[in-house]
Amino acid sequence: MENEISYSTTSTPLFDEYTKEKIAGAAKLAGIAALLSIIGSVIGVITFFINPNPVPKVVAKEGFDEKMVQFQASGTIISVILSLVFNLILFYFLYRFSTLTRKSIVENNHQLLSNGLYSLGTYFKIWVVLIILSILLMIVAVIAAGLGAAMG
């Protein structure tokens, strides 16, 4: 015999009215933040393609030729694309939290609330990974700069 957990939508309320109001407000703000973040990302991409950074023409200095400068400028499109991809993923989880949580409050549905909170947890896990990667990248840059200075 299988054990199944039954989630009733008409059983006792999930929370009292004050808590429902606060959770619904937080979910609403999360939805607004998600929409604003994706709008900002789209504007950034549009701005990049309307006014891309021109590749500067520089005279070779200290071993860096024009190809190196062009390589550095090509990193800009990669950063724009990566930024858009990360923002789309983060938007999905934050907006999903917002919609599922608000729906769970209205319908008094435990499963929807669990799914919404799971999406919020995933959103924060992604942020933690991105922050750790950024810190590691900075540490590598500091080490590389230190080694470059030490070698002359």
Protein backbone atom coordinates (compact mmCIF):
# COMPACT_ATOMS: atom_id res chain seq x y z
CA MET A 1 0.00 0.00 0.00
CA GLU A 2 1.46 3.35 -1.06
CA ASN A 3 1.67 6.26 1.29
CA GLU A 4 0.32 9.41 -0.30
CA ILE A 5 0.16 12.85 1.15
CA SER A 6 -3.14 14.47 0.47
CA TYR A 7 -3.26 18.25 0.19
CA SER A 8 -6.68 19.64 0.77
CA THR A 9 -7.58 23.05 -0.55
CA THR A 10 -10.59 23.43 1.75
CA SER A 11 -9.08 22.40 5.08
CA THR A 12 -7.92 24.75 7.80
CA PRO A 13 -6.44 28.05 6.61
CA LEU A 14 -2.72 28.15 5.89
CA PHE A 15 -2.19 31.32 7.90
CA ASP A 16 -4.08 33.97 9.79
CA GLU A 17 -5.21 37.04 7.85
CA TYR A 18 -2.25 39.21 8.88
CA THR A 19 0.28 36.60 7.72
CA LYS A 20 -1.62 36.02 4.47
CA GLU A 21 -1.54 39.76 3.80
CA LYS A 22 2.21 39.98 4.43
CA ILE A 23 3.05 36.91 2.32
CA ALA A 24 0.83 38.12 -0.51
CA GLY A 25 2.52 41.55 -0.31
CA ALA A 26 5.98 39.99 -0.44
CA ALA A 27 4.94 37.84 -3.40
CA LYS A 28 3.54 40.87 -5.19
CA LEU A 29 6.78 42.83 -4.64
CA ALA A 30 8.79 39.84 -5.88
CA GLY A 31 6.70 39.81 -9.05
CA ILE A 32 7.30 43.53 -9.58
CA ALA A 33 11.04 43.10 -8.95
CA ALA A 34 11.16 40.19 -11.41
CA LEU A 35 9.43 42.23 -14.10
CA LEU A 36 11.65 45.25 -13.53
CA SER A 37 14.79 43.12 -13.70
CA ILE A 38 13.81 41.53 -16.99
CA ILE A 39 12.80 44.91 -18.43
CA GLY A 40 16.20 46.28 -17.41
CA SER A 41 17.97 43.36 -19.07
CA VAL A 42 16.05 43.79 -22.31
CA ILE A 43 16.79 47.53 -22.31
CA GLY A 44 20.47 46.73 -21.76
CA VAL A 45 20.54 44.36 -24.73
CA ILE A 46 18.71 46.86 -26.94
CA THR A 47 21.10 49.61 -25.87
CA PHE A 48 24.08 47.41 -26.64
CA PHE A 49 22.89 46.70 -30.18
CA ILE A 50 21.84 50.29 -30.85
CA ASN A 51 25.08 51.78 -29.60
CA PRO A 52 27.76 49.08 -29.38
CA ASN A 53 31.15 50.02 -28.02
CA PRO A 54 33.37 50.65 -31.03
CA VAL A 55 36.65 48.79 -31.15
CA PRO A 56 39.23 51.42 -30.31
CA LYS A 57 42.11 51.85 -32.71
CA VAL A 58 45.24 51.98 -30.61
CA VAL A 59 48.89 51.80 -31.34
CA ALA A 60 50.55 48.65 -30.02
CA LYS A 61 51.73 49.33 -26.48
CA GLU A 62 53.72 47.11 -24.21
CA GLY A 63 53.18 43.96 -26.24
CA PHE A 64 49.46 44.43 -26.90
CA ASP A 65 48.54 44.71 -30.52
CA GLU A 66 45.25 45.58 -32.20
CA LYS A 67 44.05 41.96 -32.16
CA MET A 68 44.32 41.89 -28.38
CA VAL A 69 42.23 45.06 -28.14
CA GLN A 70 39.61 43.56 -30.48
CA PHE A 71 39.56 40.39 -28.36
CA GLN A 72 38.88 42.45 -25.26
CA ALA A 73 36.05 44.31 -27.00
CA SER A 74 34.47 41.04 -28.18
CA GLY A 75 34.06 40.07 -24.53
CA THR A 76 31.38 42.72 -24.28
CA ILE A 77 28.87 40.79 -26.42
CA ILE A 78 29.58 37.65 -24.42
CA SER A 79 28.92 39.48 -21.15
CA VAL A 80 25.66 40.92 -22.53
CA ILE A 81 24.44 37.47 -23.61
CA LEU A 82 25.46 35.83 -20.31
CA SER A 83 23.80 38.61 -18.36
CA LEU A 84 20.57 38.15 -20.31
CA VAL A 85 20.61 34.37 -19.83
CA PHE A 86 21.22 34.64 -16.08
CA ASN A 87 18.54 37.29 -15.73
CA LEU A 88 16.02 35.17 -17.63
CA ILE A 89 16.68 32.21 -15.35
CA LEU A 90 16.46 34.36 -12.22
CA PHE A 91 13.30 36.03 -13.55
CA TYR A 92 11.67 32.64 -14.07
CA PHE A 93 12.19 31.48 -10.49
CA LEU A 94 11.31 34.79 -8.82
CA TYR A 95 8.20 35.30 -10.94
CA ARG A 96 7.18 31.67 -10.36
CA PHE A 97 7.49 32.23 -6.61
CA SER A 98 5.33 35.32 -6.93
CA THR A 99 2.52 33.74 -8.93
CA LEU A 100 2.41 30.41 -7.09
CA THR A 101 2.50 32.01 -3.65
CA ARG A 102 -0.25 34.50 -4.43
CA LYS A 103 -2.36 31.71 -5.94
CA SER A 104 -1.75 29.50 -2.88
CA ILE A 105 -2.97 32.23 -0.55
CA VAL A 106 -6.15 32.75 -2.58
CA GLU A 107 -6.87 29.01 -2.96
CA ASN A 108 -5.53 27.99 0.48
CA ASN A 109 -3.41 25.34 -1.25
CA HIS A 110 -0.43 23.91 0.66
CA GLN A 111 1.16 22.35 -2.43
CA LEU A 112 1.20 25.61 -4.38
CA LEU A 113 2.78 27.37 -1.42
CA SER A 114 5.46 24.67 -1.19
CA ASN A 115 6.19 24.96 -4.92
CA GLY A 116 6.38 28.74 -4.67
CA LEU A 117 8.77 28.62 -1.73
CA TYR A 118 10.85 25.99 -3.53
CA SER A 119 11.17 28.40 -6.49
CA LEU A 120 12.28 31.15 -4.12
CA GLY A 121 14.87 28.80 -2.61
CA THR A 122 16.17 27.97 -6.08
CA TYR A 123 16.37 31.68 -6.90
CA PHE A 124 18.58 32.28 -3.86
CA LYS A 125 20.72 29.20 -4.56
CA ILE A 126 21.47 30.55 -8.05
CA TRP A 127 22.46 33.90 -6.53
CA VAL A 128 24.77 32.18 -4.04
CA VAL A 129 26.51 30.26 -6.84
CA LEU A 130 26.93 33.46 -8.88
CA ILE A 131 28.34 35.34 -5.90
CA ILE A 132 30.79 32.53 -5.08
CA LEU A 133 31.93 32.42 -8.72
CA SER A 134 32.42 36.19 -8.70
CA ILE A 135 34.50 36.03 -5.53
CA LEU A 136 36.62 33.22 -6.96
CA LEU A 137 37.13 35.20 -10.16
CA MET A 138 38.28 38.21 -8.14
CA ILE A 139 40.69 36.05 -6.15
CA VAL A 140 42.17 34.65 -9.36
CA ALA A 141 42.50 38.19 -10.76
CA VAL A 142 44.29 39.38 -7.61
CA ILE A 143 46.65 36.40 -7.73
CA ALA A 144 47.33 36.97 -11.43
CA ALA A 145 48.00 40.66 -10.82
CA GLY A 146 50.31 39.79 -7.95
CA LEU A 147 52.23 37.29 -10.04
CA GLY A 148 52.43 39.76 -12.90
CA ALA A 149 53.84 42.42 -10.61
CA ALA A 150 56.28 39.98 -9.03
CA MET A 151 57.60 38.85 -12.40
CA GLY A 152 58.22 42.38 -13.46
